[in-house]
PDB file of N, CA and C in Angstrom:
ATOM      1  N   UNK A   1      -4.864  11.445 -16.999  1.00  0.00           N
ATOM      2  CA  UNK A   1      -4.754  10.526 -16.063  1.00  0.00           C
ATOM      3  C   UNK A   1      -4.087  11.090 -15.115  1.00  0.00           C
ATOM      4  N   UNK A   2      -5.059  10.364 -13.880  1.00  0.00           N
ATOM      5  CA  UNK A   2      -4.959  11.040 -12.632  1.00  0.00           C
ATOM      6  C   UNK A   2      -3.616   9.735 -11.477  1.00  0.00           C
ATOM      7  N   UNK A   3      -2.760   9.711 -11.788  1.00  0.00           N
ATOM      8  CA  UNK A   3      -1.342   8.366 -11.929  1.00  0.00           C
ATOM      9  C   UNK A   3      -1.066   8.288 -10.258  1.00  0.00           C
ATOM     10  N   UNK A   4      -1.296  10.053  -9.372  1.00  0.00           N
ATOM     11  CA  UNK A   4      -1.417   9.268  -7.634  1.00  0.00           C
ATOM     12  C   UNK A   4      -2.851   8.661  -7.384  1.00  0.00           C
ATOM     13  N   UNK A   5      -4.008   9.108  -7.703  1.00  0.00           N
ATOM     14  CA  UNK A   5      -4.904   7.818  -8.199  1.00  0.00           C
ATOM     15  C   UNK A   5      -4.866   7.251  -8.104  1.00  0.00           C
ATOM     16  N   UNK A   6      -4.616   6.617  -9.031  1.00  0.00           N
ATOM     17  CA  UNK A   6      -4.375   4.836  -9.682  1.00  0.00           C
ATOM     18  C   UNK A   6      -4.047   4.266  -9.047  1.00  0.00           C
ATOM     19  N   UNK A   7      -2.086   5.247  -8.370  1.00  0.00           N
ATOM     20  CA  UNK A   7      -1.489   4.520  -7.440  1.00  0.00           C
ATOM     21  C   UNK A   7      -2.262   4.062  -5.613  1.00  0.00           C
ATOM     22  N   UNK A   8      -2.613   5.135  -5.612  1.00  0.00           N
ATOM     23  CA  UNK A   8      -3.789   4.861  -4.486  1.00  0.00           C
ATOM     24  C   UNK A   8      -4.800   3.586  -4.826  1.00  0.00           C
ATOM     25  N   UNK A   9      -5.342   3.697  -5.393  1.00  0.00           N
ATOM     26  CA  UNK A   9      -6.048   2.506  -5.823  1.00  0.00           C
ATOM     27  C   UNK A   9      -5.818   1.301  -5.575  1.00  0.00           C
ATOM     28  N   UNK A  10      -4.388   1.402  -6.300  1.00  0.00           N
ATOM     29  CA  UNK A  10      -3.584  -0.153  -6.147  1.00  0.00           C
ATOM     30  C   UNK A  10      -3.491  -0.757  -4.622  1.00  0.00           C
ATOM     31  N   UNK A  11      -3.140   0.066  -3.669  1.00  0.00           N
ATOM     32  CA  UNK A  11      -2.187  -0.233  -2.304  1.00  0.00           C
ATOM     33  C   UNK A  11      -3.821  -0.785  -2.015  1.00  0.00           C
ATOM     34  N   UNK A  12      -4.789   0.618  -2.024  1.00  0.00           N
ATOM     35  CA  UNK A  12      -6.175   0.556  -1.278  1.00  0.00           C
ATOM     36  C   UNK A  12      -6.880  -0.967  -1.956  1.00  0.00           C
ATOM     37  N   UNK A  13      -6.315  -1.216  -3.222  1.00  0.00           N
ATOM     38  CA  UNK A  13      -7.031  -2.777  -3.129  1.00  0.00           C
ATOM     39  C   UNK A  13      -6.600  -3.925  -2.829  1.00  0.00           C
ATOM     40  N   UNK A  14      -5.574  -3.736  -2.456  1.00  0.00           N
ATOM     41  CA  UNK A  14      -4.378  -4.609  -1.915  1.00  0.00           C
ATOM     42  C   UNK A  14      -5.582  -4.728  -0.289  1.00  0.00           C
ATOM     43  N   UNK A  15      -5.827  -3.515   0.166  1.00  0.00           N
ATOM     44  CA  UNK A  15      -5.666  -4.115   1.561  1.00  0.00           C
ATOM     45  C   UNK A  15      -7.094  -4.155   1.484  1.00  0.00           C
ATOM     46  N   UNK A  16      -7.341  -3.928   0.912  1.00  0.00           N
ATOM     47  CA  UNK A  16      -9.173  -4.531   0.913  1.00  0.00           C
ATOM     48  C   UNK A  16      -9.588  -5.783   0.500  1.00  0.00           C
ATOM     49  N   UNK A  17      -8.523  -6.286  -0.023  1.00  0.00           N
ATOM     50  CA  UNK A  17      -9.012  -7.730  -0.451  1.00  0.00           C
ATOM     51  C   UNK A  17      -7.818  -8.746   0.605  1.00  0.00           C
ATOM     52  N   UNK A  18      -7.253  -7.784   1.012  1.00  0.00           N
ATOM     53  CA  UNK A  18      -6.987  -9.004   2.424  1.00  0.00           C
ATOM     54  C   UNK A  18      -7.688  -8.529   3.600  1.00  0.00           C
ATOM     55  N   UNK A  19      -8.415  -7.160   3.555  1.00  0.00           N
ATOM     56  CA  UNK A  19      -9.378  -7.548   4.745  1.00  0.00           C
ATOM     57  C   UNK A  19      -8.399  -6.039   5.947  1.00  0.00           C
ATOM     58  N   UNK A  20      -7.704  -6.203   5.537  1.00  0.00           N
ATOM     59  CA  UNK A  20      -6.404  -5.277   6.169  1.00  0.00           C
ATOM     60  C   UNK A  20      -7.003  -3.781   6.758  1.00  0.00           C
ATOM     61  N   UNK A  21      -6.702  -3.154   7.807  1.00  0.00           N
ATOM     62  CA  UNK A  21      -6.788  -1.613   7.813  1.00  0.00           C
ATOM     63  C   UNK A  21      -5.522  -0.736   8.441  1.00  0.00           C
ATOM     64  N   UNK A  22      -5.196   0.400   7.879  1.00  0.00           N
ATOM     65  CA  UNK A  22      -4.221   0.601   7.804  1.00  0.00           C
ATOM     66  C   UNK A  22      -3.551   1.025   9.209  1.00  0.00           C
ATOM     67  N   UNK A  23      -4.166   0.874  10.273  1.00  0.00           N
ATOM     68  CA  UNK A  23      -3.570   0.154  11.609  1.00  0.00           C
ATOM     69  C   UNK A  23      -3.064  -0.727  11.667  1.00  0.00           C
ATOM     70  N   UNK A  24      -3.632  -2.112  11.077  1.00  0.00           N
ATOM     71  CA  UNK A  24      -2.951  -3.532  10.740  1.00  0.00           C
ATOM     72  C   UNK A  24      -1.920  -3.620   9.853  1.00  0.00           C
ATOM     73  N   UNK A  25      -2.281  -2.518   9.041  1.00  0.00           N
ATOM     74  CA  UNK A  25      -0.839  -2.603   7.955  1.00  0.00           C
ATOM     75  C   UNK A  25       0.324  -1.932   8.552  1.00  0.00           C
ATOM     76  N   UNK A  26      -0.054  -1.400   9.052  1.00  0.00           N
ATOM     77  CA  UNK A  26       1.257  -0.669  10.338  1.00  0.00           C
ATOM     78  C   UNK A  26       2.086  -1.025  10.668  1.00  0.00           C
ATOM     79  N   UNK A  27       1.069  -2.000  11.884  1.00  0.00           N
ATOM     80  CA  UNK A  27       1.534  -3.073  12.816  1.00  0.00           C
ATOM     81  C   UNK A  27       2.617  -4.470  11.695  1.00  0.00           C
ATOM     82  N   UNK A  28       1.660  -4.783  10.873  1.00  0.00           N
ATOM     83  CA  UNK A  28       2.284  -5.669   9.774  1.00  0.00           C
ATOM     84  C   UNK A  28       4.058  -4.953   9.152  1.00  0.00           C
ATOM     85  N   UNK A  29       3.923  -4.023   8.524  1.00  0.00           N
ATOM     86  CA  UNK A  29       4.800  -3.579   8.688  1.00  0.00           C
ATOM     87  C   UNK A  29       6.114  -3.062   9.810  1.00  0.00           C
ATOM     88  N   UNK A  30       5.713  -2.974  10.558  1.00  0.00           N
ATOM     89  CA  UNK A  30       6.279  -2.727  11.807  1.00  0.00           C
ATOM     90  C   UNK A  30       7.359  -4.200  12.337  1.00  0.00           C
ATOM     91  N   UNK A  31       6.832  -4.857  11.865  1.00  0.00           N
ATOM     92  CA  UNK A  31       6.991  -6.621  12.327  1.00  0.00           C
ATOM     93  C   UNK A  31       7.285  -7.042  11.201  1.00  0.00           C
ATOM     94  N   UNK A  32       8.093  -6.041   9.892  1.00  0.00           N
ATOM     95  CA  UNK A  32       9.146  -6.251   9.273  1.00  0.00           C
ATOM     96  C   UNK A  32      10.310  -5.185   9.206  1.00  0.00           C
ATOM     97  N   UNK A  33      10.139  -4.654  10.096  1.00  0.00           N
ATOM     98  CA  UNK A  33      11.211  -3.704  10.623  1.00  0.00           C
ATOM     99  C   UNK A  33      11.316  -1.917   9.795  1.00  0.00           C
ATOM    100  N   UNK A  34       9.833  -2.206   9.358  1.00  0.00           N
ATOM    101  CA  UNK A  34       9.410  -0.593   8.392  1.00  0.00           C
ATOM    102  C   UNK A  34       8.811   0.588   9.446  1.00  0.00           C
ATOM    103  N   UNK A  35       9.377   1.512   9.736  1.00  0.00           N
ATOM    104  CA  UNK A  35       8.442   2.641  10.647  1.00  0.00           C
ATOM    105  C   UNK A  35       7.517   3.133  10.091  1.00  0.00           C
ATOM    106  N   UNK A  36       6.049   2.569  10.450  1.00  0.00           N
ATOM    107  CA  UNK A  36       5.063   3.721   9.617  1.00  0.00           C
ATOM    108  C   UNK A  36       3.660   3.367  10.802  1.00  0.00           C
ATOM    109  N   UNK A  37       3.463   4.709  10.323  1.00  0.00           N
ATOM    110  CA  UNK A  37       2.355   4.486  11.613  1.00  0.00           C
ATOM    111  C   UNK A  37       0.752   4.775  10.567  1.00  0.00           C
ATOM    112  N   UNK A  38      -0.098   4.200  11.462  1.00  0.00           N
ATOM    113  CA  UNK A  38      -1.349   4.079  10.572  1.00  0.00           C
ATOM    114  C   UNK A  38      -1.420   5.743   9.958  1.00  0.00           C
ATOM    115  N   UNK A  39      -1.005   7.258  10.928  1.00  0.00           N
ATOM    116  CA  UNK A  39      -1.482   8.374  10.020  1.00  0.00           C
ATOM    117  C   UNK A  39      -0.833   8.399   8.600  1.00  0.00           C
ATOM    118  N   UNK A  40       0.500   7.983   8.936  1.00  0.00           N
ATOM    119  CA  UNK A  40       2.182   8.164   7.926  1.00  0.00           C
ATOM    120  C   UNK A  40       1.224   7.158   6.821  1.00  0.00           C
ATOM    121  N   UNK A  41       0.448   6.112   6.299  1.00  0.00           N
ATOM    122  CA  UNK A  41      -0.041   5.390   6.061  1.00  0.00           C
ATOM    123  C   UNK A  41      -0.540   6.183   5.151  1.00  0.00           C
ATOM    124  N   UNK A  42      -2.362   7.098   5.893  1.00  0.00           N
ATOM    125  CA  UNK A  42      -3.275   7.422   5.136  1.00  0.00           C
ATOM    126  C   UNK A  42      -2.306   8.462   4.792  1.00  0.00           C
ATOM    127  N   UNK A  43      -1.269   9.268   4.935  1.00  0.00           N
ATOM    128  CA  UNK A  43      -0.996  10.821   4.407  1.00  0.00           C
ATOM    129  C   UNK A  43      -0.578  10.437   3.166  1.00  0.00           C
ATOM    130  N   UNK A  44      -0.009   9.017   2.983  1.00  0.00           N
ATOM    131  CA  UNK A  44       0.466   8.390   1.884  1.00  0.00           C
ATOM    132  C   UNK A  44      -0.040   8.282   1.089  1.00  0.00           C
ATOM    133  N   UNK A  45      -0.652   7.756   1.341  1.00  0.00           N
ATOM    134  CA  UNK A  45      -2.244   6.975   0.278  1.00  0.00           C
ATOM    135  C   UNK A  45      -3.199   8.451   0.068  1.00  0.00           C
ATOM    136  N   UNK A  46      -3.405   9.129   0.688  1.00  0.00           N
ATOM    137  CA  UNK A  46      -4.048  10.414   0.468  1.00  0.00           C
ATOM    138  C   UNK A  46      -2.922  11.160  -0.681  1.00  0.00           C
ATOM    139  N   UNK A  47      -1.968  11.223  -0.469  1.00  0.00           N
ATOM    140  CA  UNK A  47      -1.005  12.270  -1.707  1.00  0.00           C
ATOM    141  C   UNK A  47      -1.265  10.809  -3.051  1.00  0.00           C
ATOM    142  N   UNK A  48      -0.558  10.220  -2.889  1.00  0.00           N
ATOM    143  CA  UNK A  48      -1.059   8.794  -3.736  1.00  0.00           C
ATOM    144  C   UNK A  48       0.906   9.044  -4.131  1.00  0.00           C
ATOM    145  N   UNK A  49       1.377   9.669  -3.855  1.00  0.00           N
ATOM    146  CA  UNK A  49       2.799   9.476  -3.978  1.00  0.00           C
ATOM    147  C   UNK A  49       3.735   8.845  -3.127  1.00  0.00           C
ATOM    148  N   UNK A  50       4.168   7.759  -3.343  1.00  0.00           N
ATOM    149  CA  UNK A  50       5.030   6.432  -2.320  1.00  0.00           C
ATOM    150  C   UNK A  50       5.316   6.628  -3.593  1.00  0.00           C
ATOM    151  N   UNK A  51       6.625   5.981  -2.774  1.00  0.00           N
ATOM    152  CA  UNK A  51       7.590   5.207  -3.945  1.00  0.00           C
ATOM    153  C   UNK A  51       6.805   3.689  -3.652  1.00  0.00           C
ATOM    154  N   UNK A  52       8.303   2.734  -5.009  1.00  0.00           N
ATOM    155  CA  UNK A  52       7.854   1.673  -5.109  1.00  0.00           C
ATOM    156  C   UNK A  52       8.328   0.902  -3.957  1.00  0.00           C
ATOM    157  N   UNK A  53       9.560   1.425  -3.149  1.00  0.00           N
ATOM    158  CA  UNK A  53       9.668   0.599  -2.034  1.00  0.00           C
ATOM    159  C   UNK A  53       8.143   0.593  -1.233  1.00  0.00           C
ATOM    160  N   UNK A  54       8.068   1.376  -0.876  1.00  0.00           N
ATOM    161  CA  UNK A  54       6.617   1.315   0.363  1.00  0.00           C
ATOM    162  C   UNK A  54       5.873   0.199  -0.696  1.00  0.00           C
ATOM    163  N   UNK A  55       5.570   0.343  -2.029  1.00  0.00           N
ATOM    164  CA  UNK A  55       4.560  -1.045  -2.627  1.00  0.00           C
ATOM    165  C   UNK A  55       4.834  -2.123  -2.278  1.00  0.00           C
ATOM    166  N   UNK A  56       6.640  -2.139  -2.130  1.00  0.00           N
ATOM    167  CA  UNK A  56       6.869  -3.585  -1.952  1.00  0.00           C
ATOM    168  C   UNK A  56       6.926  -3.501  -0.477  1.00  0.00           C
ATOM    169  N   UNK A  57       7.027  -2.901  -0.191  1.00  0.00           N
ATOM    170  CA  UNK A  57       7.057  -3.211   1.752  1.00  0.00           C
ATOM    171  C   UNK A  57       5.685  -3.467   1.835  1.00  0.00           C
ATOM    172  N   UNK A  58       4.353  -3.446   1.980  1.00  0.00           N
ATOM    173  CA  UNK A  58       3.795  -3.367   1.371  1.00  0.00           C
ATOM    174  C   UNK A  58       2.550  -4.792   1.368  1.00  0.00           C
ATOM    175  N   UNK A  59       3.179  -5.154   0.175  1.00  0.00           N
ATOM    176  CA  UNK A  59       3.174  -6.601  -0.340  1.00  0.00           C
ATOM    177  C   UNK A  59       3.869  -7.503   0.578  1.00  0.00           C
ATOM    178  N   UNK A  60       5.279  -7.302   0.860  1.00  0.00           N
ATOM    179  CA  UNK A  60       5.752  -8.053   2.303  1.00  0.00           C
ATOM    180  C   UNK A  60       5.291  -7.959   3.403  1.00  0.00           C
ATOM    181  N   UNK A  61       4.283  -7.006   4.055  1.00  0.00           N
ATOM    182  CA  UNK A  61       4.033  -7.230   4.813  1.00  0.00           C
ATOM    183  C   UNK A  61       2.321  -7.624   5.254  1.00  0.00           C
ATOM    184  N   UNK A  62       1.434  -7.780   3.715  1.00  0.00           N
ATOM    185  CA  UNK A  62       0.588  -8.492   3.573  1.00  0.00           C
ATOM    186  C   UNK A  62       0.827 -10.023   3.256  1.00  0.00           C
ATOM    187  N   UNK A  63       2.009 -10.513   3.939  1.00  0.00           N
ATOM    188  CA  UNK A  63       2.002 -11.411   3.013  1.00  0.00           C
ATOM    189  C   UNK A  63       2.699 -12.571   1.769  1.00  0.00           C
ATOM    190  N   UNK A  64       2.257 -11.665   0.470  1.00  0.00           N
ATOM    191  CA  UNK A  64       2.640 -12.005  -0.454  1.00  0.00           C
ATOM    192  C   UNK A  64       3.486 -12.150  -1.112  1.00  0.00           C
ATOM    193  N   UNK A  65       3.863 -12.510  -1.864  1.00  0.00           N
ATOM    194  CA  UNK A  65       5.244 -13.025  -2.515  1.00  0.00           C
ATOM    195  C   UNK A  65       5.213 -12.418  -4.288  1.00  0.00           C
ATOM    196  N   UNK A  66       3.974 -11.869  -4.361  1.00  0.00           N
ATOM    197  CA  UNK A  66       3.818 -11.590  -5.589  1.00  0.00           C
ATOM    198  C   UNK A  66       2.383 -10.735  -6.044  1.00  0.00           C
ATOM    199  N   UNK A  67       2.046  -9.817  -6.769  1.00  0.00           N
ATOM    200  CA  UNK A  67       0.718  -9.046  -6.947  1.00  0.00           C
ATOM    201  C   UNK A  67       1.176  -8.863  -8.988  1.00  0.00           C
ATOM    202  N   UNK A  68      -0.306  -8.728  -9.213  1.00  0.00           N
ATOM    203  CA  UNK A  68      -0.621  -8.159 -10.125  1.00  0.00           C
ATOM    204  C   UNK A  68      -0.914  -6.845 -10.359  1.00  0.00           C
ATOM    205  N   UNK A  69      -0.273  -6.112 -11.197  1.00  0.00           N
ATOM    206  CA  UNK A  69      -0.963  -4.831 -11.096  1.00  0.00           C
ATOM    207  C   UNK A  69      -1.578  -3.812 -12.718  1.00  0.00           C
ATOM    208  N   UNK A  70      -2.504  -3.964 -12.869  1.00  0.00           N
ATOM    209  CA  UNK A  70      -3.274  -3.671 -13.869  1.00  0.00           C
ATOM    210  C   UNK A  70      -3.245  -1.779 -14.260  1.00  0.00           C
ATOM    211  N   UNK A  71      -2.170  -1.610 -15.229  1.00  0.00           N
ATOM    212  CA  UNK A  71      -1.964  -0.577 -15.693  1.00  0.00           C
ATOM    213  C   UNK A  71      -3.237   0.427 -16.429  1.00  0.00           C
ATOM    214  N   UNK A  72      -4.268   1.041 -16.397  1.00  0.00           N
ATOM    215  CA  UNK A  72      -5.113   1.492 -16.544  1.00  0.00           C
ATOM    216  C   UNK A  72      -4.929   2.303 -18.153  1.00  0.00           C
ATOM    217  N   UNK A  73      -6.130   1.832 -19.137  1.00  0.00           N
ATOM    218  CA  UNK A  73      -5.795   2.933 -20.154  1.00  0.00           C
ATOM    219  C   UNK A  73      -6.322   4.301 -20.733  1.00  0.00           C
ATOM    220  N   UNK A  74      -6.006   4.657 -21.700  1.00  0.00           N
ATOM    221  CA  UNK A  74      -6.580   6.387 -21.739  1.00  0.00           C
ATOM    222  C   UNK A  74      -8.194   6.522 -21.434  1.00  0.00           C
TER     223      UNK A  74
END
């Protein structure tokens, strides 16, 4: 199982459903006091190794109070 790829898909899926680009996410994160740039977001998602804190910040920046995450099977 490629866990970083699965993590990346979770965030990219959230962004796609909301129609939000990395640049727009960076602006929304900055609006809630989180210092990220389009470039830093792209790097985190390319690696797929970001923290749960970052995921929660993205969820909040997207105006959500909950999300459903499906964990892939083998």
